[in-house]
Amino acid sequence: MQVVVIGGGLIGLTSAYHLTQDGASVTLVDARETGRGASEVNAGWVCPAESGPVPAPGMVSQALRWMLRRDSPLYVRPTLDPSFVRFMLRMARHCNVADHRAGAQALIRLSEGTMDHLDAYRDDGLIFEMHADGLLMTFLEAGSMASHLQEIDIVESAGLEPEVLEGDAVRDHEPALSDRVHGGVYYPHERHVDPAGLGRALHARCLALGVDIVEGVPITGVQIDGDRITAVTGGERRFGGDAFLLAAGAWSGQLSKAFGFALPVRPGKGYNLDLPAHPLRRPTYLTEAKVAATPLDGRLRLAGTMDFGALEEQVDPIRAAAIAAAPGAFLREWEAPSDPEVGAGLRPMTPDGLPLMGRLGGLQNGYVSTGHAMLGLTLAPSSAAAISRLIVRGEETPAVAPFDPARFGR
């Protein structure tokens, strides 16, 4: 079977890898280099315990309060674009307790097996930085912590063993925290990796396995005969195959129109700052600031913000400066860097905060795997394994059922 994968982020690379392992011949086509954008600038967390969807109770009122602040953790750029307004109204309808709990449970189920897959990648010769130090959520305010603990039963039922730390117990656990931190929750089974390193390792291994990786070729056309895709084109190049997988991240919504199925995927921009090494022991979430702090070999990575706007990766220095200053309330003796190295990437967002995985519309040989939002790294291995089984063997994984693209209609 010949499969064409469109998109070379972590979802596309892991999909190409698993498809090859399952016996398919794969061509991967990317509009630029593989592993770029959100795939390389994220926090690097593999965090099933923190897999709740972005639409959450209270998000709408919070967004309205922050809307006029360019330095806010959540920023919705004002626009009268009808498609954008429809998307945001759809998202607002999912900002309730029932949808958020159901989404969190579905995402945790989808993430099962991710750690085993990462270990298997290492066993197969992929070389990338990976740590198993757990994850610490920290809270300045008792109310924020109490709100977080309302869904801790979901994490407990998944066997992820959260440990609640109040008062000085959280500083005993992480001495770098300031006295302003009210408490925290420690998740012992989470991991973190260097996402850019994982992308490079997947690229190299895919090449070694025979994947034809074509970079710098944006898809400009789709050839369809009846209910089957016969080829996709990029400029003067034509890529034929038996099956086609759309895994183009934030660009998937735009590209899906060429397949006759407009997916509700819009970009949510995030930033990262790579700073000198810091004594922080493990990945730590600065909850009120919505900033993730990740110690990697020789550096500290800060990542955060959600910027709903256009399909562009331009860095806003005001928003980057807010991330750099955020640890000041959480960490002892923090000095915001004056000129940090900043990167930006676009997360693929859906109205309900859940991925789109499965068949693409009524096309018999068209498939999609996108919309993983802020959880691309956490969900990529298990998503890739599931989509590969569907394409190569026609096997539908029960954990993928909640993510059927048909839930949004044609």
Protein backbone atom coordinates (compact mmCIF):
# COMPACT_ATOMS: atom_id res chain seq x y z
CA MET A 1 0.00 0.00 0.00
CA GLN A 2 1.26 3.48 -0.94
CA VAL A 3 0.25 6.21 1.55
CA VAL A 4 0.79 9.94 1.09
CA VAL A 5 1.08 11.90 4.36
CA ILE A 6 0.50 15.64 4.04
CA GLY A 7 2.28 17.50 6.82
CA GLY A 8 5.60 16.92 8.58
CA GLY A 9 5.00 18.04 12.15
CA LEU A 10 5.10 15.53 15.00
CA ILE A 11 1.69 14.13 14.00
CA GLY A 12 2.79 13.66 10.39
CA LEU A 13 6.24 12.25 11.28
CA THR A 14 4.92 9.76 13.85
CA SER A 15 2.17 8.73 11.41
CA ALA A 16 4.71 8.12 8.65
CA TYR A 17 6.85 6.11 11.06
CA HIS A 18 3.99 3.88 12.26
CA LEU A 19 2.61 3.42 8.74
CA THR A 20 6.02 2.20 7.61
CA GLN A 21 6.26 -0.13 10.61
CA ASP A 22 2.85 -1.53 9.63
CA GLY A 23 4.06 -2.33 6.13
CA ALA A 24 3.02 0.68 4.05
CA SER A 25 5.21 2.56 1.60
CA VAL A 26 5.05 6.23 2.56
CA THR A 27 5.62 9.58 0.91
CA LEU A 28 5.56 12.53 3.32
CA VAL A 29 5.05 15.98 1.77
CA ASP A 30 5.60 19.18 3.76
CA ALA A 31 5.32 22.80 2.71
CA ARG A 32 8.56 23.55 4.58
CA GLU A 33 11.05 21.51 6.62
CA THR A 34 9.68 18.76 8.84
CA GLY A 35 9.34 19.28 12.59
CA ARG A 36 8.86 23.04 12.42
CA GLY A 37 6.32 25.38 14.05
CA ALA A 38 4.34 24.10 17.02
CA SER A 39 6.18 20.78 16.79
CA GLU A 40 9.50 22.34 17.82
CA VAL A 41 8.54 25.30 20.02
CA ASN A 42 6.17 23.61 22.48
CA ALA A 43 6.93 22.98 26.15
CA GLY A 44 8.08 19.41 25.47
CA TRP A 45 5.63 17.84 27.90
CA VAL A 46 4.25 14.33 27.60
CA CYS A 47 1.41 14.87 30.05
CA PRO A 48 -1.65 12.58 29.97
CA ALA A 49 -2.59 13.88 33.43
CA GLU A 50 -3.03 17.40 32.04
CA SER A 51 -4.99 16.51 28.91
CA GLY A 52 -8.13 18.56 29.37
CA PRO A 53 -9.48 20.32 26.26
CA VAL A 54 -8.87 24.07 25.87
CA PRO A 55 -12.58 25.06 26.06
CA ALA A 56 -13.23 25.02 29.80
CA PRO A 57 -15.71 26.41 32.31
CA GLY A 58 -15.04 30.11 32.87
CA MET A 59 -13.00 30.51 29.69
CA VAL A 60 -15.48 32.86 28.01
CA SER A 61 -15.65 35.34 30.90
CA GLN A 62 -11.87 35.18 31.30
CA ALA A 63 -11.34 35.81 27.59
CA LEU A 64 -13.63 38.86 27.72
CA ARG A 65 -11.66 40.30 30.66
CA TRP A 66 -8.36 39.73 28.84
CA MET A 67 -9.47 40.72 25.35
CA LEU A 68 -8.03 44.23 25.46
CA ARG A 69 -4.71 43.17 27.03
CA ARG A 70 -2.01 42.25 24.51
CA ASP A 71 0.05 40.69 27.31
CA SER A 72 -2.73 38.38 28.56
CA PRO A 73 -2.31 34.57 28.56
CA LEU A 74 -5.39 34.23 26.33
CA TYR A 75 -5.84 36.76 23.56
CA VAL A 76 -8.59 36.82 20.93
CA ARG A 77 -7.71 39.24 18.16
CA PRO A 78 -10.84 41.23 17.28
CA THR A 79 -12.16 40.52 13.79
CA LEU A 80 -15.46 40.47 11.93
CA ASP A 81 -14.49 37.47 9.79
CA PRO A 82 -17.71 35.36 9.82
CA SER A 83 -15.87 32.02 9.89
CA PHE A 84 -13.79 33.14 12.87
CA VAL A 85 -16.86 34.39 14.74
CA ARG A 86 -18.66 31.07 14.09
CA PHE A 87 -15.64 29.14 15.36
CA MET A 88 -15.41 31.14 18.58
CA LEU A 89 -19.17 30.85 19.21
CA ARG A 90 -18.90 27.09 18.75
CA MET A 91 -16.02 26.99 21.18
CA ALA A 92 -17.97 29.03 23.73
CA ARG A 93 -20.75 26.41 23.69
CA HIS A 94 -18.23 23.78 24.82
CA CYS A 95 -17.02 25.82 27.81
CA ASN A 96 -19.03 23.84 30.34
CA VAL A 97 -18.31 21.22 32.99
CA ALA A 98 -19.91 18.24 31.22
CA ASP A 99 -18.08 18.73 27.91
CA HIS A 100 -14.77 19.45 29.63
CA ARG A 101 -14.94 16.31 31.79
CA ALA A 102 -15.95 14.11 28.85
CA GLY A 103 -13.19 15.60 26.73
CA ALA A 104 -10.54 15.09 29.41
CA GLN A 105 -11.56 11.44 29.83
CA ALA A 106 -11.43 10.84 26.07
CA LEU A 107 -8.02 12.47 25.72
CA ILE A 108 -6.53 10.48 28.58
CA ARG A 109 -7.81 7.28 26.95
CA LEU A 110 -6.23 8.30 23.65
CA SER A 111 -2.89 8.94 25.36
CA GLU A 112 -2.68 5.39 26.75
CA GLY A 113 0.36 3.70 25.31
CA THR A 114 2.26 6.91 24.56
CA MET A 115 5.03 6.16 27.09
CA ASP A 116 5.41 2.63 25.70
CA HIS A 117 5.67 4.03 22.19
CA LEU A 118 8.37 6.51 23.26
CA ASP A 119 10.35 3.67 24.84
CA ALA A 120 9.90 1.64 21.64
CA TYR A 121 11.25 4.57 19.62
CA ARG A 122 14.38 4.54 21.76
CA ASP A 123 14.67 0.77 21.34
CA ASP A 124 14.43 1.25 17.56
CA GLY A 125 17.44 3.53 17.60
CA LEU A 126 15.89 7.00 17.80
CA ILE A 127 18.14 9.30 19.81
CA PHE A 128 16.44 12.20 21.58
CA GLU A 129 16.47 13.87 24.98
CA MET A 130 13.84 12.42 27.32
CA HIS A 131 13.31 12.72 31.10
CA ALA A 132 10.93 10.98 33.50
CA ASP A 133 10.76 13.54 36.32
CA GLY A 134 7.00 13.94 36.58
CA LEU A 135 5.08 17.22 36.35
CA LEU A 136 4.26 19.80 39.02
CA MET A 137 1.23 22.10 38.82
CA THR A 138 1.64 25.19 41.03
CA PHE A 139 -0.95 27.69 42.26
CA LEU A 140 -0.64 31.15 43.78
CA GLU A 141 -4.29 31.20 44.84
CA ALA A 142 -6.31 28.71 46.87
CA GLY A 143 -9.28 29.21 44.55
CA SER A 144 -7.28 28.23 41.48
CA MET A 145 -6.07 25.08 43.18
CA ALA A 146 -9.57 24.16 44.38
CA SER A 147 -10.90 24.59 40.83
CA HIS A 148 -8.19 22.31 39.48
CA LEU A 149 -8.91 19.64 42.07
CA GLN A 150 -12.53 19.38 40.93
CA GLU A 151 -11.46 17.06 38.10
CA ILE A 152 -8.66 15.23 39.88
CA ASP A 153 -10.90 12.15 40.12
CA ILE A 154 -10.51 11.71 36.35
CA VAL A 155 -6.74 11.53 36.73
CA GLU A 156 -6.99 9.20 39.73
CA SER A 157 -9.30 6.80 37.91
CA ALA A 158 -6.74 6.62 35.07
CA GLY A 159 -4.10 5.41 37.55
CA LEU A 160 -1.91 8.52 37.24
CA GLU A 161 -1.55 8.91 41.04
CA PRO A 162 -1.63 12.69 41.66
CA GLU A 163 -0.12 13.95 44.92
CA VAL A 164 -1.67 17.10 46.43
CA LEU A 165 0.88 19.41 48.09
CA GLU A 166 -0.24 22.31 50.27
CA GLY A 167 1.76 25.08 51.91
CA ASP A 168 5.40 24.31 52.57
CA ALA A 169 4.96 20.76 51.25
CA VAL A 170 5.13 22.12 47.71
CA ARG A 171 8.40 23.96 48.51
CA ASP A 172 9.85 20.83 50.08
CA HIS A 173 9.06 19.15 46.76
CA GLU A 174 10.46 22.02 44.66
CA PRO A 175 12.80 24.35 46.61
CA ALA A 176 12.96 26.87 43.74
CA LEU A 177 9.35 27.93 44.41
CA SER A 178 8.69 31.24 46.16
CA ASP A 179 6.72 31.69 49.38
CA ARG A 180 3.85 33.14 47.33
CA VAL A 181 2.97 29.69 45.95
CA HIS A 182 -0.06 28.39 47.84
CA GLY A 183 0.26 24.74 46.80
CA GLY A 184 0.55 22.28 43.97
CA VAL A 185 -0.27 18.90 42.48
CA TYR A 186 2.51 16.51 41.48
CA TYR A 187 1.95 13.94 38.75
CA PRO A 188 4.76 11.36 39.04
CA HIS A 189 4.35 9.49 35.73
CA GLU A 190 4.67 12.38 33.26
CA ARG A 191 7.72 12.88 31.06
CA HIS A 192 9.30 15.63 29.02
CA VAL A 193 11.43 15.61 25.89
CA ASP A 194 13.26 18.01 23.61
CA PRO A 195 10.57 18.27 20.90
CA ALA A 196 12.92 19.49 18.19
CA GLY A 197 15.26 16.60 18.94
CA LEU A 198 12.42 14.10 18.71
CA GLY A 199 11.40 15.60 15.37
CA ARG A 200 14.93 15.25 14.01
CA ALA A 201 15.17 11.66 15.24
CA LEU A 202 11.84 10.73 13.61
CA HIS A 203 12.90 12.38 10.36
CA ALA A 204 16.17 10.44 10.28
CA ARG A 205 14.54 7.11 11.16
CA CYS A 206 11.78 7.58 8.58
CA LEU A 207 14.42 8.17 5.91
CA ALA A 208 16.27 5.04 7.02
CA LEU A 209 13.02 3.05 6.77
CA GLY A 210 12.47 4.19 3.20
CA VAL A 211 10.00 7.06 3.65
CA ASP A 212 10.22 9.51 0.76
CA ILE A 213 10.29 12.89 2.52
CA VAL A 214 9.56 15.83 0.23
CA GLU A 215 10.13 19.24 1.82
CA GLY A 216 9.35 22.75 0.61
CA VAL A 217 6.39 21.66 -1.52
CA PRO A 218 2.99 23.07 -0.46
CA ILE A 219 -0.04 21.11 -1.68
CA THR A 220 -1.87 23.16 -4.30
CA GLY A 221 -4.40 20.70 -5.69
CA VAL A 222 -6.28 17.46 -5.08
CA GLN A 223 -7.45 15.06 -7.79
CA ILE A 224 -10.61 13.13 -6.91
CA ASP A 225 -12.42 10.50 -8.97
CA GLY A 226 -15.83 9.70 -7.49
CA ASP A 227 -15.27 8.92 -3.82
CA ARG A 228 -11.54 8.28 -4.12
CA ILE A 229 -8.51 10.53 -4.12
CA THR A 230 -6.16 9.66 -6.97
CA ALA A 231 -3.39 12.19 -6.32
CA VAL A 232 -2.39 15.45 -4.68
CA THR A 233 -0.27 18.02 -6.47
CA GLY A 234 2.29 20.54 -5.35
CA GLY A 235 3.27 22.93 -8.09
CA GLU A 236 4.27 20.71 -11.00
CA ARG A 237 4.73 17.62 -8.82
CA ARG A 238 2.12 14.89 -8.55
CA PHE A 239 1.89 12.42 -5.66
CA GLY A 240 -0.29 9.39 -6.26
CA GLY A 241 -1.20 6.74 -3.74
CA ASP A 242 -3.67 4.22 -2.38
CA ALA A 243 -4.47 6.33 0.69
CA PHE A 244 -3.96 9.93 1.77
CA LEU A 245 -3.57 11.31 5.31
CA LEU A 246 -4.06 15.01 6.03
CA ALA A 247 -1.88 15.87 9.03
CA ALA A 248 -0.97 19.47 8.35
CA GLY A 249 -1.61 20.90 11.81
CA ALA A 250 -3.00 24.43 11.86
CA TRP A 251 -3.05 24.47 8.05
CA SER A 252 -5.37 21.45 7.91
CA GLY A 253 -8.54 23.54 7.92
CA GLN A 254 -7.41 25.51 4.91
CA LEU A 255 -6.17 22.43 3.02
CA SER A 256 -9.25 20.34 3.80
CA LYS A 257 -11.37 22.51 1.52
CA ALA A 258 -9.52 21.08 -1.49
CA PHE A 259 -10.78 17.65 -0.42
CA GLY A 260 -14.37 18.89 -0.31
CA PHE A 261 -14.64 18.74 3.47
CA ALA A 262 -14.06 22.00 5.37
CA LEU A 263 -12.63 21.05 8.76
CA PRO A 264 -13.16 23.56 11.61
CA VAL A 265 -9.46 23.99 12.42
CA ARG A 266 -8.02 27.39 13.30
CA PRO A 267 -4.60 28.45 14.60
CA GLY A 268 -3.86 29.14 18.25
CA LYS A 269 -0.44 30.77 18.45
CA GLY A 270 1.94 29.89 21.25
CA TYR A 271 5.44 31.11 22.15
CA ASN A 272 8.56 29.67 23.69
CA LEU A 273 11.65 31.23 25.23
CA ASP A 274 14.87 29.27 25.70
CA LEU A 275 16.85 30.66 28.65
CA PRO A 276 20.00 29.65 30.56
CA ALA A 277 19.73 26.65 32.86
CA HIS A 278 17.82 27.13 36.13
CA PRO A 279 17.76 25.06 39.37
CA LEU A 280 14.10 24.08 38.77
CA ARG A 281 14.00 20.30 39.21
CA ARG A 282 11.16 19.28 36.92
CA PRO A 283 8.51 20.61 34.49
CA THR A 284 6.36 23.09 36.40
CA TYR A 285 3.14 24.79 35.37
CA LEU A 286 2.67 28.35 36.60
CA THR A 287 -1.09 28.10 36.62
CA GLU A 288 -2.34 31.65 37.00
CA ALA A 289 0.18 32.87 34.41
CA LYS A 290 -0.59 29.96 32.04
CA VAL A 291 3.14 29.39 31.51
CA ALA A 292 4.98 26.07 31.35
CA ALA A 293 8.56 25.94 32.63
CA THR A 294 10.63 23.00 31.40
CA PRO A 295 14.24 22.22 32.43
CA LEU A 296 16.06 20.68 29.47
CA ASP A 297 19.74 19.80 29.12
CA GLY A 298 21.59 23.08 29.52
CA ARG A 299 18.58 25.39 29.33
CA LEU A 300 15.19 26.33 30.73
CA ARG A 301 12.26 26.56 28.32
CA LEU A 302 9.27 28.78 29.01
CA ALA A 303 6.18 28.24 26.84
CA GLY A 304 2.75 29.74 26.89
CA THR A 305 -0.01 32.03 25.60
CA MET A 306 -2.97 31.20 23.39
CA ASP A 307 -3.43 33.73 20.62
CA PHE A 308 -6.48 33.21 18.41
CA GLY A 309 -5.93 35.10 15.18
CA ALA A 310 -4.54 34.71 11.68
CA LEU A 311 -2.51 31.92 10.13
CA GLU A 312 0.87 33.59 10.78
CA GLU A 313 3.79 33.03 13.16
CA GLN A 314 4.95 36.59 13.79
CA VAL A 315 6.29 37.18 17.30
CA ASP A 316 4.57 39.86 19.39
CA PRO A 317 7.30 41.22 21.72
CA ILE A 318 4.72 42.32 24.30
CA ARG A 319 3.38 38.78 24.65
CA ALA A 320 6.89 37.30 24.74
CA ALA A 321 7.89 39.73 27.49
CA ALA A 322 4.86 38.67 29.55
CA ILE A 323 6.03 35.04 29.42
CA ALA A 324 9.55 36.04 30.44
CA ALA A 325 8.23 37.96 33.46
CA ALA A 326 5.68 35.34 34.57
CA PRO A 327 7.99 33.18 36.76
CA GLY A 328 8.70 36.19 38.98
CA ALA A 329 5.70 35.43 41.19
CA PHE A 330 6.39 31.69 41.34
CA LEU A 331 10.18 31.26 41.54
CA ARG A 332 12.74 32.66 43.95
CA GLU A 333 15.06 35.43 42.74
CA TRP A 334 13.74 35.41 39.18
CA GLU A 335 15.12 38.03 36.80
CA ALA A 336 13.34 38.35 33.48
CA PRO A 337 15.85 38.15 30.60
CA SER A 338 16.28 41.36 28.61
CA ASP A 339 16.68 39.81 25.16
CA PRO A 340 15.48 36.18 25.15
CA GLU A 341 15.47 33.89 22.15
CA VAL A 342 11.78 33.61 21.17
CA GLY A 343 9.97 31.16 18.90
CA ALA A 344 6.33 30.95 17.85
CA GLY A 345 4.16 28.16 16.48
CA LEU A 346 0.54 27.58 15.55
CA ARG A 347 -1.43 24.91 17.37
CA PRO A 348 -4.33 23.35 15.42
CA MET A 349 -7.47 24.20 17.40
CA THR A 350 -11.00 22.80 17.04
CA PRO A 351 -14.24 24.22 18.53
CA ASP A 352 -14.57 21.45 21.12
CA GLY A 353 -10.84 21.21 21.83
CA LEU A 354 -10.63 17.60 20.60
CA PRO A 355 -8.64 16.15 17.69
CA LEU A 356 -10.08 15.21 14.31
CA MET A 357 -9.11 11.62 13.53
CA GLY A 358 -10.60 9.19 11.04
CA ARG A 359 -12.00 9.21 7.53
CA LEU A 360 -12.09 12.50 5.67
CA GLY A 361 -15.69 13.08 4.66
CA GLY A 362 -17.12 10.53 2.23
CA LEU A 363 -13.75 9.74 0.68
CA GLN A 364 -12.97 6.04 0.77
CA ASN A 365 -9.21 6.52 0.90
CA GLY A 366 -8.96 9.92 2.61
CA TYR A 367 -8.02 10.24 6.29
CA VAL A 368 -7.19 13.02 8.73
CA SER A 369 -5.27 13.36 11.98
CA THR A 370 -5.13 16.93 13.25
CA GLY A 371 -6.53 19.32 15.85
CA HIS A 372 -4.41 18.02 18.74
CA ALA A 373 -4.19 21.59 20.08
CA MET A 374 -1.65 21.82 22.93
CA LEU A 375 -1.30 18.04 23.22
CA GLY A 376 0.44 17.15 19.96
CA LEU A 377 3.47 15.68 21.69
CA THR A 378 1.42 13.82 24.31
CA LEU A 379 -0.98 12.33 21.75
CA ALA A 380 1.19 11.92 18.64
CA PRO A 381 2.49 8.36 19.23
CA SER A 382 -0.85 6.82 20.18
CA SER A 383 -2.69 8.81 17.48
CA ALA A 384 -0.19 7.64 14.87
CA ALA A 385 -0.52 4.02 15.91
CA ALA A 386 -4.32 4.22 15.74
CA ILE A 387 -4.52 6.01 12.38
CA SER A 388 -2.00 3.58 10.90
CA ARG A 389 -4.11 0.60 11.95
CA LEU A 390 -7.16 2.22 10.38
CA ILE A 391 -5.41 2.96 7.07
CA VAL A 392 -3.39 -0.24 6.66
CA ARG A 393 -5.66 -2.84 8.27
CA GLY A 394 -9.04 -1.13 8.45
CA GLU A 395 -9.09 -1.57 12.23
CA GLU A 396 -10.93 1.09 14.20
CA THR A 397 -9.51 1.81 17.67
CA PRO A 398 -12.32 2.38 20.22
CA ALA A 399 -10.39 5.21 21.91
CA VAL A 400 -10.50 7.20 18.67
CA ALA A 401 -14.31 7.17 18.32
CA PRO A 402 -14.87 10.54 20.13
CA PHE A 403 -12.65 12.25 17.55
CA ASP A 404 -14.56 11.29 14.39
CA PRO A 405 -14.51 14.34 12.05
CA ALA A 406 -18.14 13.58 11.13
CA ARG A 407 -19.25 15.13 14.44
CA PHE A 408 -19.01 18.52 12.73
CA GLY A 409 -20.97 17.48 9.63
CA ARG A 410 -19.89 18.06 6.04
